[in-house]
Amino acid sequence: MLYKIPLILSPQPEGGFTVTSPVLPELVTEGDTVAEALANVQDALAAVVESYEDLGRPLPPNTQLSDLTGPVWLETVVIAS
């Protein structure tokens, strides 16, 4: 299943980034770099989805992508050298 989740990357004073989501407050992860933090989102999201399923709670509306035949709006962080 594909999900579309807004993410907030917050730089930490000691270095690295914390990632949270305004629509899934249970989603919290981190990484030393932006790339690592975003890579860790996949595991964090899987844990949140499993938790919602265990509790019988639906995910917030429009977080699951069911129609994969059309375009998907995606904003991401890109580091250019």
PDB file of N, CA and C in Angstrom:
ATOM      1  N   MET A   1       0.855  -1.178   0.000  1.00  0.00           N
ATOM      2  CA  MET A   1       0.000   0.000   0.000  1.00  0.00           C
ATOM      3  C   MET A   1       0.895   1.234   0.000  1.00  0.00           C
ATOM      4  N   LEU A   2       0.490   2.223  -0.735  1.00  0.00           N
ATOM      5  CA  LEU A   2       1.203   3.494  -0.748  1.00  0.00           C
ATOM      6  C   LEU A   2       0.448   4.498   0.103  1.00  0.00           C
ATOM      7  N   TYR A   3       1.197   5.354   0.773  1.00  0.00           N
ATOM      8  CA  TYR A   3       0.616   6.367   1.645  1.00  0.00           C
ATOM      9  C   TYR A   3       1.178   7.728   1.267  1.00  0.00           C
ATOM     10  N   LYS A   4       0.358   8.754   1.441  1.00  0.00           N
ATOM     11  CA  LYS A   4       0.787  10.135   1.237  1.00  0.00           C
ATOM     12  C   LYS A   4       0.654  10.831   2.584  1.00  0.00           C
ATOM     13  N   ILE A   5       1.803  11.109   3.200  1.00  0.00           N
ATOM     14  CA  ILE A   5       1.829  11.637   4.560  1.00  0.00           C
ATOM     15  C   ILE A   5       2.639  12.924   4.589  1.00  0.00           C
ATOM     16  N   PRO A   6       2.076  14.026   5.093  1.00  0.00           N
ATOM     17  CA  PRO A   6       2.895  15.230   5.250  1.00  0.00           C
ATOM     18  C   PRO A   6       3.903  15.020   6.384  1.00  0.00           C
ATOM     19  N   LEU A   7       5.125  15.469   6.153  1.00  0.00           N
ATOM     20  CA  LEU A   7       6.193  15.296   7.143  1.00  0.00           C
ATOM     21  C   LEU A   7       6.815  16.637   7.488  1.00  0.00           C
ATOM     22  N   ILE A   8       7.277  16.745   8.718  1.00  0.00           N
ATOM     23  CA  ILE A   8       8.023  17.922   9.174  1.00  0.00           C
ATOM     24  C   ILE A   8       9.396  17.448   9.624  1.00  0.00           C
ATOM     25  N   LEU A   9      10.436  17.987   9.006  1.00  0.00           N
ATOM     26  CA  LEU A   9      11.808  17.680   9.402  1.00  0.00           C
ATOM     27  C   LEU A   9      12.321  18.829  10.255  1.00  0.00           C
ATOM     28  N   SER A  10      12.652  18.543  11.490  1.00  0.00           N
ATOM     29  CA  SER A  10      13.119  19.569  12.423  1.00  0.00           C
ATOM     30  C   SER A  10      14.590  19.341  12.740  1.00  0.00           C
ATOM     31  N   PRO A  11      15.462  20.311  12.392  1.00  0.00           N
ATOM     32  CA  PRO A  11      16.871  20.164  12.749  1.00  0.00           C
ATOM     33  C   PRO A  11      17.023  20.183  14.270  1.00  0.00           C
ATOM     34  N   GLN A  12      17.926  19.369  14.775  1.00  0.00           N
ATOM     35  CA  GLN A  12      18.153  19.278  16.214  1.00  0.00           C
ATOM     36  C   GLN A  12      19.457  19.982  16.585  1.00  0.00           C
ATOM     37  N   PRO A  13      19.504  20.635  17.750  1.00  0.00           N
ATOM     38  CA  PRO A  13      20.704  21.383  18.142  1.00  0.00           C
ATOM     39  C   PRO A  13      21.962  20.512  18.203  1.00  0.00           C
ATOM     40  N   GLU A  14      21.796  19.251  18.563  1.00  0.00           N
ATOM     41  CA  GLU A  14      22.948  18.355  18.666  1.00  0.00           C
ATOM     42  C   GLU A  14      23.310  17.735  17.317  1.00  0.00           C
ATOM     43  N   GLY A  15      22.553  18.075  16.289  1.00  0.00           N
ATOM     44  CA  GLY A  15      22.766  17.529  14.947  1.00  0.00           C
ATOM     45  C   GLY A  15      21.680  16.546  14.597  1.00  0.00           C
ATOM     46  N   GLY A  16      21.510  16.326  13.333  1.00  0.00           N
ATOM     47  CA  GLY A  16      20.491  15.407  12.873  1.00  0.00           C
ATOM     48  C   GLY A  16      19.129  16.062  12.777  1.00  0.00           C
ATOM     49  N   PHE A  17      18.144  15.243  12.468  1.00  0.00           N
ATOM     50  CA  PHE A  17      16.782  15.725  12.234  1.00  0.00           C
ATOM     51  C   PHE A  17      15.779  14.804  12.898  1.00  0.00           C
ATOM     52  N   THR A  18      14.727  15.387  13.426  1.00  0.00           N
ATOM     53  CA  THR A  18      13.574  14.638  13.905  1.00  0.00           C
ATOM     54  C   THR A  18      12.470  14.808  12.869  1.00  0.00           C
ATOM     55  N   VAL A  19      11.763  13.709  12.581  1.00  0.00           N
ATOM     56  CA  VAL A  19      10.668  13.741  11.613  1.00  0.00           C
ATOM     57  C   VAL A  19       9.370  13.439  12.339  1.00  0.00           C
ATOM     58  N   THR A  20       8.368  14.291  12.139  1.00  0.00           N
ATOM     59  CA  THR A  20       7.032  14.085  12.686  1.00  0.00           C
ATOM     60  C   THR A  20       6.020  14.338  11.571  1.00  0.00           C
ATOM     61  N   SER A  21       4.759  14.052  11.865  1.00  0.00           N
ATOM     62  CA  SER A  21       3.693  14.299  10.896  1.00  0.00           C
ATOM     63  C   SER A  21       2.518  14.963  11.599  1.00  0.00           C
ATOM     64  N   PRO A  22       1.995  16.047  11.033  1.00  0.00           N
ATOM     65  CA  PRO A  22       0.840  16.707  11.661  1.00  0.00           C
ATOM     66  C   PRO A  22      -0.439  15.863  11.613  1.00  0.00           C
ATOM     67  N   VAL A  23      -0.531  14.901  10.684  1.00  0.00           N
ATOM     68  CA  VAL A  23      -1.743  14.081  10.600  1.00  0.00           C
ATOM     69  C   VAL A  23      -1.614  12.759  11.342  1.00  0.00           C
ATOM     70  N   LEU A  24      -0.387  12.355  11.650  1.00  0.00           N
ATOM     71  CA  LEU A  24      -0.146  11.121  12.410  1.00  0.00           C
ATOM     72  C   LEU A  24       0.801  11.452  13.564  1.00  0.00           C
ATOM     73  N   PRO A  25       0.269  11.960  14.662  1.00  0.00           N
ATOM     74  CA  PRO A  25       1.143  12.378  15.769  1.00  0.00           C
ATOM     75  C   PRO A  25       1.985  11.242  16.342  1.00  0.00           C
ATOM     76  N   GLU A  26       1.587   9.999  16.086  1.00  0.00           N
ATOM     77  CA  GLU A  26       2.349   8.855  16.588  1.00  0.00           C
ATOM     78  C   GLU A  26       3.616   8.614  15.774  1.00  0.00           C
ATOM     79  N   LEU A  27       3.699   9.201  14.591  1.00  0.00           N
ATOM     80  CA  LEU A  27       4.858   8.998  13.734  1.00  0.00           C
ATOM     81  C   LEU A  27       5.985   9.933  14.186  1.00  0.00           C
ATOM     82  N   VAL A  28       7.029   9.353  14.735  1.00  0.00           N
ATOM     83  CA  VAL A  28       8.207  10.104  15.170  1.00  0.00           C
ATOM     84  C   VAL A  28       9.431   9.245  14.861  1.00  0.00           C
ATOM     85  N   THR A  29      10.379   9.833  14.146  1.00  0.00           N
ATOM     86  CA  THR A  29      11.637   9.144  13.877  1.00  0.00           C
ATOM     87  C   THR A  29      12.717  10.196  13.740  1.00  0.00           C
ATOM     88  N   GLU A  30      13.935   9.753  13.479  1.00  0.00           N
ATOM     89  CA  GLU A  30      15.041  10.699  13.371  1.00  0.00           C
ATOM     90  C   GLU A  30      16.139  10.110  12.498  1.00  0.00           C
ATOM     91  N   GLY A  31      17.128  10.927  12.206  1.00  0.00           N
ATOM     92  CA  GLY A  31      18.294  10.483  11.459  1.00  0.00           C
ATOM     93  C   GLY A  31      19.375  11.535  11.524  1.00  0.00           C
ATOM     94  N   ASP A  32      20.592  11.112  11.279  1.00  0.00           N
ATOM     95  CA  ASP A  32      21.723  12.036  11.316  1.00  0.00           C
ATOM     96  C   ASP A  32      21.749  12.975  10.119  1.00  0.00           C
ATOM     97  N   THR A  33      21.165  12.533   9.002  1.00  0.00           N
ATOM     98  CA  THR A  33      21.084  13.353   7.794  1.00  0.00           C
ATOM     99  C   THR A  33      19.628  13.382   7.332  1.00  0.00           C
ATOM    100  N   VAL A  34      19.329  14.290   6.404  1.00  0.00           N
ATOM    101  CA  VAL A  34      17.976  14.339   5.841  1.00  0.00           C
ATOM    102  C   VAL A  34      17.650  13.004   5.177  1.00  0.00           C
ATOM    103  N   ALA A  35      18.588  12.478   4.406  1.00  0.00           N
ATOM    104  CA  ALA A  35      18.349  11.209   3.714  1.00  0.00           C
ATOM    105  C   ALA A  35      18.081  10.078   4.702  1.00  0.00           C
ATOM    106  N   GLU A  36      18.861  10.007   5.760  1.00  0.00           N
ATOM    107  CA  GLU A  36      18.663   8.953   6.761  1.00  0.00           C
ATOM    108  C   GLU A  36      17.336   9.126   7.481  1.00  0.00           C
ATOM    109  N   ALA A  37      16.993  10.357   7.824  1.00  0.00           N
ATOM    110  CA  ALA A  37      15.724  10.615   8.515  1.00  0.00           C
ATOM    111  C   ALA A  37      14.541  10.208   7.640  1.00  0.00           C
ATOM    112  N   LEU A  38      14.598  10.555   6.352  1.00  0.00           N
ATOM    113  CA  LEU A  38      13.505  10.189   5.448  1.00  0.00           C
ATOM    114  C   LEU A  38      13.451   8.684   5.224  1.00  0.00           C
ATOM    115  N   ALA A  39      14.596   8.030   5.182  1.00  0.00           N
ATOM    116  CA  ALA A  39      14.615   6.570   5.035  1.00  0.00           C
ATOM    117  C   ALA A  39      13.983   5.898   6.247  1.00  0.00           C
ATOM    118  N   ASN A  40      14.169   6.469   7.434  1.00  0.00           N
ATOM    119  CA  ASN A  40      13.614   5.887   8.653  1.00  0.00           C
ATOM    120  C   ASN A  40      12.100   6.059   8.749  1.00  0.00           C
ATOM    121  N   VAL A  41      11.543   6.958   7.951  1.00  0.00           N
ATOM    122  CA  VAL A  41      10.088   7.176   7.962  1.00  0.00           C
ATOM    123  C   VAL A  41       9.350   5.912   7.570  1.00  0.00           C
ATOM    124  N   GLN A  42       9.914   5.148   6.658  1.00  0.00           N
ATOM    125  CA  GLN A  42       9.233   3.936   6.181  1.00  0.00           C
ATOM    126  C   GLN A  42       8.953   2.974   7.340  1.00  0.00           C
ATOM    127  N   ASP A  43       9.950   2.726   8.180  1.00  0.00           N
ATOM    128  CA  ASP A  43       9.751   1.832   9.331  1.00  0.00           C
ATOM    129  C   ASP A  43       8.797   2.439  10.349  1.00  0.00           C
ATOM    130  N   ALA A  44       8.942   3.739  10.583  1.00  0.00           N
ATOM    131  CA  ALA A  44       8.074   4.407  11.550  1.00  0.00           C
ATOM    132  C   ALA A  44       6.620   4.368  11.084  1.00  0.00           C
ATOM    133  N   LEU A  45       6.396   4.610   9.799  1.00  0.00           N
ATOM    134  CA  LEU A  45       5.035   4.574   9.261  1.00  0.00           C
ATOM    135  C   LEU A  45       4.453   3.170   9.345  1.00  0.00           C
ATOM    136  N   ALA A  46       5.251   2.162   9.057  1.00  0.00           N
ATOM    137  CA  ALA A  46       4.766   0.778   9.152  1.00  0.00           C
ATOM    138  C   ALA A  46       4.310   0.472  10.573  1.00  0.00           C
ATOM    139  N   ALA A  47       5.053   0.947  11.569  1.00  0.00           N
ATOM    140  CA  ALA A  47       4.676   0.726  12.968  1.00  0.00           C
ATOM    141  C   ALA A  47       3.383   1.459  13.310  1.00  0.00           C
ATOM    142  N   VAL A  48       3.213   2.668  12.798  1.00  0.00           N
ATOM    143  CA  VAL A  48       1.988   3.436  13.067  1.00  0.00           C
ATOM    144  C   VAL A  48       0.788   2.756  12.412  1.00  0.00           C
ATOM    145  N   VAL A  49       0.939   2.321  11.170  1.00  0.00           N
ATOM    146  CA  VAL A  49      -0.161   1.637  10.463  1.00  0.00           C
ATOM    147  C   VAL A  49      -0.553   0.374  11.224  1.00  0.00           C
ATOM    148  N   GLU A  50       0.426  -0.392  11.673  1.00  0.00           N
ATOM    149  CA  GLU A  50       0.141  -1.606  12.443  1.00  0.00           C
ATOM    150  C   GLU A  50      -0.595  -1.272  13.741  1.00  0.00           C
ATOM    151  N   SER A  51      -0.180  -0.219  14.398  1.00  0.00           N
ATOM    152  CA  SER A  51      -0.832   0.204  15.647  1.00  0.00           C
ATOM    153  C   SER A  51      -2.293   0.592  15.398  1.00  0.00           C
ATOM    154  N   TYR A  52      -2.532   1.358  14.340  1.00  0.00           N
ATOM    155  CA  TYR A  52      -3.904   1.751  14.009  1.00  0.00           C
ATOM    156  C   TYR A  52      -4.753   0.513  13.727  1.00  0.00           C
ATOM    157  N   GLU A  53      -4.192  -0.438  12.976  1.00  0.00           N
ATOM    158  CA  GLU A  53      -4.927  -1.671  12.663  1.00  0.00           C
ATOM    159  C   GLU A  53      -5.242  -2.453  13.940  1.00  0.00           C
ATOM    160  N   ASP A  54      -4.255  -2.571  14.836  1.00  0.00           N
ATOM    161  CA  ASP A  54      -4.466  -3.298  16.094  1.00  0.00           C
ATOM    162  C   ASP A  54      -5.557  -2.658  16.940  1.00  0.00           C
ATOM    163  N   LEU A  55      -5.645  -1.329  16.893  1.00  0.00           N
ATOM    164  CA  LEU A  55      -6.641  -0.608  17.677  1.00  0.00           C
ATOM    165  C   LEU A  55      -7.984  -0.479  16.955  1.00  0.00           C
ATOM    166  N   GLY A  56      -8.039  -0.933  15.697  1.00  0.00           N
ATOM    167  CA  GLY A  56      -9.270  -0.819  14.921  1.00  0.00           C
ATOM    168  C   GLY A  56      -9.592   0.608  14.522  1.00  0.00           C
ATOM    169  N   ARG A  57      -8.563   1.456  14.464  1.00  0.00           N
ATOM    170  CA  ARG A  57      -8.749   2.859  14.095  1.00  0.00           C
ATOM    171  C   ARG A  57      -8.436   3.046  12.620  1.00  0.00           C
ATOM    172  N   PRO A  58      -9.239   3.847  11.922  1.00  0.00           N
ATOM    173  CA  PRO A  58      -8.907   4.144  10.530  1.00  0.00           C
ATOM    174  C   PRO A  58      -7.799   5.199  10.472  1.00  0.00           C
ATOM    175  N   LEU A  59      -6.999   5.130   9.430  1.00  0.00           N
ATOM    176  CA  LEU A  59      -6.019   6.189   9.209  1.00  0.00           C
ATOM    177  C   LEU A  59      -6.753   7.459   8.803  1.00  0.00           C
ATOM    178  N   PRO A  60      -6.145   8.614   8.996  1.00  0.00           N
ATOM    179  CA  PRO A  60      -6.800   9.861   8.570  1.00  0.00           C
ATOM    180  C   PRO A  60      -7.153   9.808   7.083  1.00  0.00           C
ATOM    181  N   PRO A  61      -8.205  10.524   6.698  1.00  0.00           N
ATOM    182  CA  PRO A  61      -8.626  10.532   5.287  1.00  0.00           C
ATOM    183  C   PRO A  61      -7.496  10.987   4.370  1.00  0.00           C
ATOM    184  N   ASN A  62      -7.489  10.450   3.170  1.00  0.00           N
ATOM    185  CA  ASN A  62      -6.565  10.826   2.098  1.00  0.00           C
ATOM    186  C   ASN A  62      -5.105  10.485   2.378  1.00  0.00           C
ATOM    187  N   THR A  63      -4.833   9.587   3.315  1.00  0.00           N
ATOM    188  CA  THR A  63      -3.446   9.176   3.545  1.00  0.00           C
ATOM    189  C   THR A  63      -3.088   7.933   2.748  1.00  0.00           C
ATOM    190  N   GLN A  64      -4.097   7.143   2.376  1.00  0.00           N
ATOM    191  CA  GLN A  64      -3.849   5.955   1.560  1.00  0.00           C
ATOM    192  C   GLN A  64      -4.119   6.285   0.102  1.00  0.00           C
ATOM    193  N   LEU A  65      -3.194   5.885  -0.763  1.00  0.00           N
ATOM    194  CA  LEU A  65      -3.377   6.109  -2.196  1.00  0.00           C
ATOM    195  C   LEU A  65      -3.940   4.837  -2.815  1.00  0.00           C
ATOM    196  N   SER A  66      -5.193   4.917  -3.243  1.00  0.00           N
ATOM    197  CA  SER A  66      -5.824   3.733  -3.824  1.00  0.00           C
ATOM    198  C   SER A  66      -5.768   3.759  -5.342  1.00  0.00           C
ATOM    199  N   ASP A  67      -5.759   4.951  -5.937  1.00  0.00           N
ATOM    200  CA  ASP A  67      -5.725   5.061  -7.396  1.00  0.00           C
ATOM    201  C   ASP A  67      -4.300   5.397  -7.821  1.00  0.00           C
ATOM    202  N   LEU A  68      -3.591   4.393  -8.310  1.00  0.00           N
ATOM    203  CA  LEU A  68      -2.203   4.597  -8.717  1.00  0.00           C
ATOM    204  C   LEU A  68      -2.064   4.803 -10.214  1.00  0.00           C
ATOM    205  N   THR A  69      -3.190   5.077 -10.890  1.00  0.00           N
ATOM    206  CA  THR A  69      -3.139   5.266 -12.335  1.00  0.00           C
ATOM    207  C   THR A  69      -2.948   6.722 -12.720  1.00  0.00           C
ATOM    208  N   GLY A  70      -3.171   7.626 -11.794  1.00  0.00           N
ATOM    209  CA  GLY A  70      -3.039   9.049 -12.088  1.00  0.00           C
ATOM    210  C   GLY A  70      -1.838   9.652 -11.393  1.00  0.00           C
ATOM    211  N   PRO A  71      -1.624  10.933 -11.623  1.00  0.00           N
ATOM    212  CA  PRO A  71      -0.484  11.606 -11.002  1.00  0.00           C
ATOM    213  C   PRO A  71      -0.682  11.760  -9.492  1.00  0.00           C
ATOM    214  N   VAL A  72       0.441  11.854  -8.782  1.00  0.00           N
ATOM    215  CA  VAL A  72       0.431  12.052  -7.336  1.00  0.00           C
ATOM    216  C   VAL A  72       1.266  13.287  -7.032  1.00  0.00           C
ATOM    217  N   TRP A  73       0.694  14.231  -6.282  1.00  0.00           N
ATOM    218  CA  TRP A  73       1.432  15.425  -5.867  1.00  0.00           C
ATOM    219  C   TRP A  73       2.385  15.019  -4.760  1.00  0.00           C
ATOM    220  N   LEU A  74       3.651  15.347  -4.936  1.00  0.00           N
ATOM    221  CA  LEU A  74       4.667  14.961  -3.964  1.00  0.00           C
ATOM    222  C   LEU A  74       5.646  16.104  -3.786  1.00  0.00           C
ATOM    223  N   GLU A  75       5.851  16.491  -2.544  1.00  0.00           N
ATOM    224  CA  GLU A  75       6.890  17.468  -2.234  1.00  0.00           C
ATOM    225  C   GLU A  75       7.954  16.739  -1.438  1.00  0.00           C
ATOM    226  N   THR A  76       9.205  17.005  -1.756  1.00  0.00           N
ATOM    227  CA  THR A  76      10.287  16.306  -1.076  1.00  0.00           C
ATOM    228  C   THR A  76      11.487  17.231  -0.929  1.00  0.00           C
ATOM    229  N   VAL A  77      12.413  16.837  -0.123  1.00  0.00           N
ATOM    230  CA  VAL A  77      13.639  17.584   0.081  1.00  0.00           C
ATOM    231  C   VAL A  77      14.686  17.017  -0.871  1.00  0.00           C
ATOM    232  N   VAL A  78      15.306  17.881  -1.643  1.00  0.00           N
ATOM    233  CA  VAL A  78      16.345  17.465  -2.574  1.00  0.00           C
ATOM    234  C   VAL A  78      17.593  18.284  -2.286  1.00  0.00           C
ATOM    235  N   ILE A  79      18.696  17.595  -2.132  1.00  0.00           N
ATOM    236  CA  ILE A  79      19.969  18.290  -1.892  1.00  0.00           C
ATOM    237  C   ILE A  79      20.770  18.234  -3.182  1.00  0.00           C
ATOM    238  N   ALA A  80      21.055  19.405  -3.757  1.00  0.00           N
ATOM    239  CA  ALA A  80      21.843  19.459  -4.981  1.00  0.00           C
ATOM    240  C   ALA A  80      23.276  19.838  -4.633  1.00  0.00           C
ATOM    241  N   SER A  81      24.207  19.173  -5.266  1.00  0.00           N
ATOM    242  CA  SER A  81      25.619  19.465  -5.003  1.00  0.00           C
ATOM    243  C   SER A  81      26.125  20.541  -5.921  1.00  0.00           C
TER     244      SER A  81
END
